[in-house]
Amino acid sequence: MSIVPLLGTASFDPEAVAILSAAFDDAWGRIKQSGSSLARPAYERGAREVLAKCIIEMAQRGERDARLLADAAVKYLAKNYKE
């Protein structure tokens, strides 16, 4: 699953979409590498959607730093969705 389908009605230029995609891929890679149960098939779709929405919401407020977007999304998921 890519972040692009979740952009919905949000309007981002191609450069921003590339940044959001990189942030999403980085965040999801960290979740998988951590061994989190959220990366298991039963939870993967929901966890990925939460990460994407967090990144998109931050980007809508103007954030364009891929590392910061990924960091915040991983922290949000860890804080709000216990394993």
PDB file of N, CA and C in Angstrom:
ATOM      1  N   MET A   1       0.840  -1.184   0.000  1.00  0.00           N
ATOM      2  CA  MET A   1       0.000   0.000   0.000  1.00  0.00           C
ATOM      3  C   MET A   1       0.878   1.236   0.000  1.00  0.00           C
ATOM      4  N   SER A   2       0.576   2.127  -0.873  1.00  0.00           N
ATOM      5  CA  SER A   2       1.264   3.408  -0.988  1.00  0.00           C
ATOM      6  C   SER A   2       0.457   4.464  -0.231  1.00  0.00           C
ATOM      7  N   ILE A   3       1.102   5.559   0.082  1.00  0.00           N
ATOM      8  CA  ILE A   3       0.405   6.662   0.748  1.00  0.00           C
ATOM      9  C   ILE A   3      -0.499   7.408  -0.237  1.00  0.00           C
ATOM     10  N   VAL A   4      -0.197   7.345  -1.521  1.00  0.00           N
ATOM     11  CA  VAL A   4      -0.894   8.129  -2.536  1.00  0.00           C
ATOM     12  C   VAL A   4      -2.413   7.928  -2.519  1.00  0.00           C
ATOM     13  N   PRO A   5      -2.936   6.702  -2.453  1.00  0.00           N
ATOM     14  CA  PRO A   5      -4.400   6.561  -2.433  1.00  0.00           C
ATOM     15  C   PRO A   5      -5.064   7.225  -1.223  1.00  0.00           C
ATOM     16  N   LEU A   6      -4.330   7.393  -0.158  1.00  0.00           N
ATOM     17  CA  LEU A   6      -4.905   7.995   1.046  1.00  0.00           C
ATOM     18  C   LEU A   6      -4.879   9.520   1.032  1.00  0.00           C
ATOM     19  N   LEU A   7      -4.270  10.087   0.017  1.00  0.00           N
ATOM     20  CA  LEU A   7      -4.227  11.544  -0.068  1.00  0.00           C
ATOM     21  C   LEU A   7      -5.618  12.124  -0.295  1.00  0.00           C
ATOM     22  N   GLY A   8      -6.503  11.321  -0.874  1.00  0.00           N
ATOM     23  CA  GLY A   8      -7.892  11.736  -1.054  1.00  0.00           C
ATOM     24  C   GLY A   8      -8.019  13.085  -1.720  1.00  0.00           C
ATOM     25  N   THR A   9      -8.696  14.002  -1.059  1.00  0.00           N
ATOM     26  CA  THR A   9      -8.932  15.331  -1.627  1.00  0.00           C
ATOM     27  C   THR A   9      -7.801  16.298  -1.334  1.00  0.00           C
ATOM     28  N   ALA A  10      -6.805  15.859  -0.571  1.00  0.00           N
ATOM     29  CA  ALA A  10      -5.676  16.730  -0.273  1.00  0.00           C
ATOM     30  C   ALA A  10      -4.914  17.006  -1.561  1.00  0.00           C
ATOM     31  N   SER A  11      -4.446  18.211  -1.681  1.00  0.00           N
ATOM     32  CA  SER A  11      -3.733  18.598  -2.895  1.00  0.00           C
ATOM     33  C   SER A  11      -2.281  18.898  -2.558  1.00  0.00           C
ATOM     34  N   PHE A  12      -1.385  18.086  -3.106  1.00  0.00           N
ATOM     35  CA  PHE A  12       0.046  18.270  -2.902  1.00  0.00           C
ATOM     36  C   PHE A  12       0.731  18.252  -4.258  1.00  0.00           C
ATOM     37  N   ASP A  13       1.758  19.074  -4.394  1.00  0.00           N
ATOM     38  CA  ASP A  13       2.518  19.062  -5.638  1.00  0.00           C
ATOM     39  C   ASP A  13       3.379  17.797  -5.686  1.00  0.00           C
ATOM     40  N   PRO A  14       3.920  17.459  -6.855  1.00  0.00           N
ATOM     41  CA  PRO A  14       4.702  16.224  -6.990  1.00  0.00           C
ATOM     42  C   PRO A  14       5.883  16.126  -6.017  1.00  0.00           C
ATOM     43  N   GLU A  15       6.527  17.235  -5.737  1.00  0.00           N
ATOM     44  CA  GLU A  15       7.649  17.222  -4.788  1.00  0.00           C
ATOM     45  C   GLU A  15       7.162  16.843  -3.386  1.00  0.00           C
ATOM     46  N   ALA A  16       6.038  17.405  -2.980  1.00  0.00           N
ATOM     47  CA  ALA A  16       5.480  17.089  -1.665  1.00  0.00           C
ATOM     48  C   ALA A  16       5.062  15.619  -1.592  1.00  0.00           C
ATOM     49  N   VAL A  17       4.467  15.108  -2.659  1.00  0.00           N
ATOM     50  CA  VAL A  17       4.054  13.696  -2.685  1.00  0.00           C
ATOM     51  C   VAL A  17       5.283  12.797  -2.524  1.00  0.00           C
ATOM     52  N   ALA A  18       6.382  13.162  -3.166  1.00  0.00           N
ATOM     53  CA  ALA A  18       7.621  12.382  -3.033  1.00  0.00           C
ATOM     54  C   ALA A  18       8.120  12.411  -1.590  1.00  0.00           C
ATOM     55  N   ILE A  19       8.029  13.560  -0.932  1.00  0.00           N
ATOM     56  CA  ILE A  19       8.451  13.691   0.465  1.00  0.00           C
ATOM     57  C   ILE A  19       7.554  12.843   1.365  1.00  0.00           C
ATOM     58  N   LEU A  20       6.262  12.930   1.150  1.00  0.00           N
ATOM     59  CA  LEU A  20       5.312  12.160   1.964  1.00  0.00           C
ATOM     60  C   LEU A  20       5.522  10.663   1.767  1.00  0.00           C
ATOM     61  N   SER A  21       5.753  10.258   0.544  1.00  0.00           N
ATOM     62  CA  SER A  21       5.996   8.837   0.260  1.00  0.00           C
ATOM     63  C   SER A  21       7.261   8.345   0.950  1.00  0.00           C
ATOM     64  N   ALA A  22       8.305   9.161   0.905  1.00  0.00           N
ATOM     65  CA  ALA A  22       9.570   8.787   1.561  1.00  0.00           C
ATOM     66  C   ALA A  22       9.378   8.694   3.071  1.00  0.00           C
ATOM     67  N   ALA A  23       8.642   9.638   3.637  1.00  0.00           N
ATOM     68  CA  ALA A  23       8.382   9.622   5.083  1.00  0.00           C
ATOM     69  C   ALA A  23       7.584   8.385   5.464  1.00  0.00           C
ATOM     70  N   PHE A  24       6.574   8.065   4.674  1.00  0.00           N
ATOM     71  CA  PHE A  24       5.743   6.898   4.935  1.00  0.00           C
ATOM     72  C   PHE A  24       6.564   5.613   4.860  1.00  0.00           C
ATOM     73  N   ASP A  25       7.354   5.478   3.812  1.00  0.00           N
ATOM     74  CA  ASP A  25       8.184   4.279   3.654  1.00  0.00           C
ATOM     75  C   ASP A  25       9.179   4.142   4.801  1.00  0.00           C
ATOM     76  N   ASP A  26       9.769   5.256   5.212  1.00  0.00           N
ATOM     77  CA  ASP A  26      10.708   5.244   6.338  1.00  0.00           C
ATOM     78  C   ASP A  26       9.998   4.821   7.622  1.00  0.00           C
ATOM     79  N   ALA A  27       8.850   5.423   7.889  1.00  0.00           N
ATOM     80  CA  ALA A  27       8.104   5.110   9.117  1.00  0.00           C
ATOM     81  C   ALA A  27       7.697   3.636   9.141  1.00  0.00           C
ATOM     82  N   TRP A  28       7.169   3.146   8.025  1.00  0.00           N
ATOM     83  CA  TRP A  28       6.726   1.752   7.999  1.00  0.00           C
ATOM     84  C   TRP A  28       7.928   0.808   8.127  1.00  0.00           C
ATOM     85  N   GLY A  29       9.025   1.147   7.504  1.00  0.00           N
ATOM     86  CA  GLY A  29      10.233   0.332   7.631  1.00  0.00           C
ATOM     87  C   GLY A  29      10.687   0.220   9.075  1.00  0.00           C
ATOM     88  N   ARG A  30      10.597   1.303   9.799  1.00  0.00           N
ATOM     89  CA  ARG A  30      10.978   1.282  11.219  1.00  0.00           C
ATOM     90  C   ARG A  30      10.053   0.392  12.039  1.00  0.00           C
ATOM     91  N   ILE A  31       8.751   0.469  11.744  1.00  0.00           N
ATOM     92  CA  ILE A  31       7.788  -0.368  12.468  1.00  0.00           C
ATOM     93  C   ILE A  31       8.095  -1.843  12.208  1.00  0.00           C
ATOM     94  N   LYS A  32       8.308  -2.189  10.957  1.00  0.00           N
ATOM     95  CA  LYS A  32       8.607  -3.582  10.611  1.00  0.00           C
ATOM     96  C   LYS A  32       9.915  -4.046  11.249  1.00  0.00           C
ATOM     97  N   GLN A  33      10.930  -3.206  11.177  1.00  0.00           N
ATOM     98  CA  GLN A  33      12.244  -3.565  11.715  1.00  0.00           C
ATOM     99  C   GLN A  33      12.209  -3.726  13.231  1.00  0.00           C
ATOM    100  N   SER A  34      11.308  -3.023  13.884  1.00  0.00           N
ATOM    101  CA  SER A  34      11.230  -3.085  15.345  1.00  0.00           C
ATOM    102  C   SER A  34      10.660  -4.407  15.840  1.00  0.00           C
ATOM    103  N   GLY A  35      10.024  -5.153  14.940  1.00  0.00           N
ATOM    104  CA  GLY A  35       9.393  -6.395  15.356  1.00  0.00           C
ATOM    105  C   GLY A  35       8.030  -6.180  15.992  1.00  0.00           C
ATOM    106  N   SER A  36       7.496  -4.995  15.841  1.00  0.00           N
ATOM    107  CA  SER A  36       6.193  -4.658  16.422  1.00  0.00           C
ATOM    108  C   SER A  36       5.102  -5.594  15.918  1.00  0.00           C
ATOM    109  N   SER A  37       4.187  -5.937  16.806  1.00  0.00           N
ATOM    110  CA  SER A  37       3.061  -6.771  16.395  1.00  0.00           C
ATOM    111  C   SER A  37       2.152  -6.007  15.422  1.00  0.00           C
ATOM    112  N   LEU A  38       2.280  -4.686  15.374  1.00  0.00           N
ATOM    113  CA  LEU A  38       1.484  -3.889  14.441  1.00  0.00           C
ATOM    114  C   LEU A  38       1.869  -4.162  12.992  1.00  0.00           C
ATOM    115  N   ALA A  39       3.031  -4.767  12.785  1.00  0.00           N
ATOM    116  CA  ALA A  39       3.473  -5.111  11.436  1.00  0.00           C
ATOM    117  C   ALA A  39       2.963  -6.482  10.996  1.00  0.00           C
ATOM    118  N   ARG A  40       2.323  -7.206  11.901  1.00  0.00           N
ATOM    119  CA  ARG A  40       1.771  -8.520  11.547  1.00  0.00           C
ATOM    120  C   ARG A  40       0.618  -8.341  10.567  1.00  0.00           C
ATOM    121  N   PRO A  41       0.388  -9.327   9.717  1.00  0.00           N
ATOM    122  CA  PRO A  41      -0.670  -9.204   8.701  1.00  0.00           C
ATOM    123  C   PRO A  41      -2.030  -8.769   9.247  1.00  0.00           C
ATOM    124  N   ALA A  42      -2.390  -9.212  10.429  1.00  0.00           N
ATOM    125  CA  ALA A  42      -3.699  -8.866  10.988  1.00  0.00           C
ATOM    126  C   ALA A  42      -3.836  -7.375  11.300  1.00  0.00           C
ATOM    127  N   TYR A  43      -2.732  -6.705  11.558  1.00  0.00           N
ATOM    128  CA  TYR A  43      -2.757  -5.288  11.949  1.00  0.00           C
ATOM    129  C   TYR A  43      -2.138  -4.362  10.923  1.00  0.00           C
ATOM    130  N   GLU A  44      -1.456  -4.935   9.949  1.00  0.00           N
ATOM    131  CA  GLU A  44      -0.667  -4.138   9.008  1.00  0.00           C
ATOM    132  C   GLU A  44      -1.465  -3.058   8.296  1.00  0.00           C
ATOM    133  N   ARG A  45      -2.577  -3.424   7.727  1.00  0.00           N
ATOM    134  CA  ARG A  45      -3.358  -2.445   6.963  1.00  0.00           C
ATOM    135  C   ARG A  45      -3.762  -1.249   7.828  1.00  0.00           C
ATOM    136  N   GLY A  46      -4.284  -1.520   9.009  1.00  0.00           N
ATOM    137  CA  GLY A  46      -4.702  -0.438   9.901  1.00  0.00           C
ATOM    138  C   GLY A  46      -3.538   0.409  10.368  1.00  0.00           C
ATOM    139  N   ALA A  47      -2.430  -0.226  10.713  1.00  0.00           N
ATOM    140  CA  ALA A  47      -1.254   0.512  11.176  1.00  0.00           C
ATOM    141  C   ALA A  47      -0.706   1.404  10.073  1.00  0.00           C
ATOM    142  N   ARG A  48      -0.654   0.876   8.864  1.00  0.00           N
ATOM    143  CA  ARG A  48      -0.160   1.671   7.738  1.00  0.00           C
ATOM    144  C   ARG A  48      -1.083   2.860   7.458  1.00  0.00           C
ATOM    145  N   GLU A  49      -2.372   2.658   7.601  1.00  0.00           N
ATOM    146  CA  GLU A  49      -3.317   3.745   7.378  1.00  0.00           C
ATOM    147  C   GLU A  49      -3.151   4.841   8.436  1.00  0.00           C
ATOM    148  N   VAL A  50      -2.950   4.444   9.682  1.00  0.00           N
ATOM    149  CA  VAL A  50      -2.738   5.424  10.752  1.00  0.00           C
ATOM    150  C   VAL A  50      -1.463   6.224  10.473  1.00  0.00           C
ATOM    151  N   LEU A  51      -0.389   5.547  10.095  1.00  0.00           N
ATOM    152  CA  LEU A  51       0.861   6.246   9.765  1.00  0.00           C
ATOM    153  C   LEU A  51       0.635   7.250   8.643  1.00  0.00           C
ATOM    154  N   ALA A  52      -0.019   6.799   7.579  1.00  0.00           N
ATOM    155  CA  ALA A  52      -0.252   7.665   6.425  1.00  0.00           C
ATOM    156  C   ALA A  52      -1.073   8.892   6.802  1.00  0.00           C
ATOM    157  N   LYS A  53      -2.145   8.677   7.540  1.00  0.00           N
ATOM    158  CA  LYS A  53      -3.000   9.801   7.917  1.00  0.00           C
ATOM    159  C   LYS A  53      -2.265  10.795   8.804  1.00  0.00           C
ATOM    160  N   CYS A  54      -1.440  10.305   9.700  1.00  0.00           N
ATOM    161  CA  CYS A  54      -0.654  11.190  10.558  1.00  0.00           C
ATOM    162  C   CYS A  54       0.288  12.048   9.711  1.00  0.00           C
ATOM    163  N   ILE A  55       0.966  11.419   8.776  1.00  0.00           N
ATOM    164  CA  ILE A  55       1.899  12.137   7.899  1.00  0.00           C
ATOM    165  C   ILE A  55       1.148  13.153   7.044  1.00  0.00           C
ATOM    166  N   ILE A  56       0.026  12.766   6.491  1.00  0.00           N
ATOM    167  CA  ILE A  56      -0.759  13.675   5.645  1.00  0.00           C
ATOM    168  C   ILE A  56      -1.257  14.872   6.438  1.00  0.00           C
ATOM    169  N   GLU A  57      -1.750  14.637   7.647  1.00  0.00           N
ATOM    170  CA  GLU A  57      -2.242  15.744   8.478  1.00  0.00           C
ATOM    171  C   GLU A  57      -1.133  16.737   8.794  1.00  0.00           C
ATOM    172  N   MET A  58       0.045  16.232   9.109  1.00  0.00           N
ATOM    173  CA  MET A  58       1.169  17.133   9.388  1.00  0.00           C
ATOM    174  C   MET A  58       1.558  17.915   8.135  1.00  0.00           C
ATOM    175  N   ALA A  59       1.529  17.247   6.990  1.00  0.00           N
ATOM    176  CA  ALA A  59       1.879  17.909   5.734  1.00  0.00           C
ATOM    177  C   ALA A  59       0.856  18.979   5.368  1.00  0.00           C
ATOM    178  N   GLN A  60      -0.402  18.732   5.679  1.00  0.00           N
ATOM    179  CA  GLN A  60      -1.425  19.737   5.420  1.00  0.00           C
ATOM    180  C   GLN A  60      -1.217  20.984   6.261  1.00  0.00           C
ATOM    181  N   ARG A  61      -0.534  20.825   7.391  1.00  0.00           N
ATOM    182  CA  ARG A  61      -0.207  21.978   8.240  1.00  0.00           C
ATOM    183  C   ARG A  61       1.115  22.613   7.828  1.00  0.00           C
ATOM    184  N   GLY A  62       1.741  22.074   6.761  1.00  0.00           N
ATOM    185  CA  GLY A  62       2.927  22.712   6.204  1.00  0.00           C
ATOM    186  C   GLY A  62       4.249  22.012   6.417  1.00  0.00           C
ATOM    187  N   GLU A  63       4.275  20.928   7.169  1.00  0.00           N
ATOM    188  CA  GLU A  63       5.547  20.231   7.423  1.00  0.00           C
ATOM    189  C   GLU A  63       6.017  19.532   6.148  1.00  0.00           C
ATOM    190  N   ARG A  64       7.299  19.706   5.813  1.00  0.00           N
ATOM    191  CA  ARG A  64       7.853  19.077   4.624  1.00  0.00           C
ATOM    192  C   ARG A  64       9.167  18.344   4.891  1.00  0.00           C
ATOM    193  N   ASP A  65       9.524  18.168   6.130  1.00  0.00           N
ATOM    194  CA  ASP A  65      10.742  17.445   6.483  1.00  0.00           C
ATOM    195  C   ASP A  65      10.391  15.966   6.624  1.00  0.00           C
ATOM    196  N   ALA A  66      10.875  15.142   5.694  1.00  0.00           N
ATOM    197  CA  ALA A  66      10.512  13.723   5.666  1.00  0.00           C
ATOM    198  C   ALA A  66      10.895  13.016   6.958  1.00  0.00           C
ATOM    199  N   ARG A  67      12.051  13.331   7.500  1.00  0.00           N
ATOM    200  CA  ARG A  67      12.505  12.669   8.731  1.00  0.00           C
ATOM    201  C   ARG A  67      11.594  13.027   9.898  1.00  0.00           C
ATOM    202  N   LEU A  68      11.239  14.295  10.013  1.00  0.00           N
ATOM    203  CA  LEU A  68      10.349  14.737  11.087  1.00  0.00           C
ATOM    204  C   LEU A  68       8.963  14.115  10.938  1.00  0.00           C
ATOM    205  N   LEU A  69       8.469  14.041   9.705  1.00  0.00           N
ATOM    206  CA  LEU A  69       7.171  13.423   9.457  1.00  0.00           C
ATOM    207  C   LEU A  69       7.182  11.951   9.881  1.00  0.00           C
ATOM    208  N   ALA A  70       8.230  11.234   9.499  1.00  0.00           N
ATOM    209  CA  ALA A  70       8.336   9.817   9.849  1.00  0.00           C
ATOM    210  C   ALA A  70       8.461   9.638  11.355  1.00  0.00           C
ATOM    211  N   ASP A  71       9.323  10.434  11.991  1.00  0.00           N
ATOM    212  CA  ASP A  71       9.507  10.339  13.445  1.00  0.00           C
ATOM    213  C   ASP A  71       8.184  10.547  14.178  1.00  0.00           C
ATOM    214  N   ALA A  72       7.470  11.591  13.804  1.00  0.00           N
ATOM    215  CA  ALA A  72       6.209  11.912  14.480  1.00  0.00           C
ATOM    216  C   ALA A  72       5.169  10.812  14.268  1.00  0.00           C
ATOM    217  N   ALA A  73       5.098  10.256  13.072  1.00  0.00           N
ATOM    218  CA  ALA A  73       4.123   9.210  12.790  1.00  0.00           C
ATOM    219  C   ALA A  73       4.422   7.940  13.591  1.00  0.00           C
ATOM    220  N   VAL A  74       5.687   7.567  13.672  1.00  0.00           N
ATOM    221  CA  VAL A  74       6.064   6.376  14.453  1.00  0.00           C
ATOM    222  C   VAL A  74       5.752   6.599  15.930  1.00  0.00           C
ATOM    223  N   LYS A  75       6.069   7.773  16.442  1.00  0.00           N
ATOM    224  CA  LYS A  75       5.781   8.083  17.847  1.00  0.00           C
ATOM    225  C   LYS A  75       4.276   8.055  18.109  1.00  0.00           C
ATOM    226  N   TYR A  76       3.508   8.615  17.186  1.00  0.00           N
ATOM    227  CA  TYR A  76       2.054   8.631  17.342  1.00  0.00           C
ATOM    228  C   TYR A  76       1.507   7.213  17.390  1.00  0.00           C
ATOM    229  N   LEU A  77       1.945   6.385  16.474  1.00  0.00           N
ATOM    230  CA  LEU A  77       1.471   5.000  16.436  1.00  0.00           C
ATOM    231  C   LEU A  77       1.851   4.262  17.716  1.00  0.00           C
ATOM    232  N   ALA A  78       3.084   4.425  18.157  1.00  0.00           N
ATOM    233  CA  ALA A  78       3.550   3.738  19.372  1.00  0.00           C
ATOM    234  C   ALA A  78       2.784   4.198  20.612  1.00  0.00           C
ATOM    235  N   LYS A  79       2.475   5.466  20.668  1.00  0.00           N
ATOM    236  CA  LYS A  79       1.790   6.024  21.838  1.00  0.00           C
ATOM    237  C   LYS A  79       0.303   5.644  21.895  1.00  0.00           C
ATOM    238  N   ASN A  80      -0.332   5.637  20.732  1.00  0.00           N
ATOM    239  CA  ASN A  80      -1.777   5.469  20.693  1.00  0.00           C
ATOM    240  C   ASN A  80      -2.281   4.080  20.363  1.00  0.00           C
ATOM    241  N   TYR A  81      -1.394   3.236  19.884  1.00  0.00           N
ATOM    242  CA  TYR A  81      -1.805   1.872  19.506  1.00  0.00           C
ATOM    243  C   TYR A  81      -0.845   0.895  20.149  1.00  0.00           C
ATOM    244  N   LYS A  82      -1.153   0.497  21.345  1.00  0.00           N
ATOM    245  CA  LYS A  82      -0.313  -0.440  22.091  1.00  0.00           C
ATOM    246  C   LYS A  82      -0.370  -1.806  21.457  1.00  0.00           C
ATOM    247  N   GLU A  83       0.740  -2.495  21.547  1.00  0.00           N
ATOM    248  CA  GLU A  83       0.835  -3.840  20.981  1.00  0.00           C
ATOM    249  C   GLU A  83       0.120  -4.842  21.833  1.00  0.00           C
TER     250      GLU A  83
END
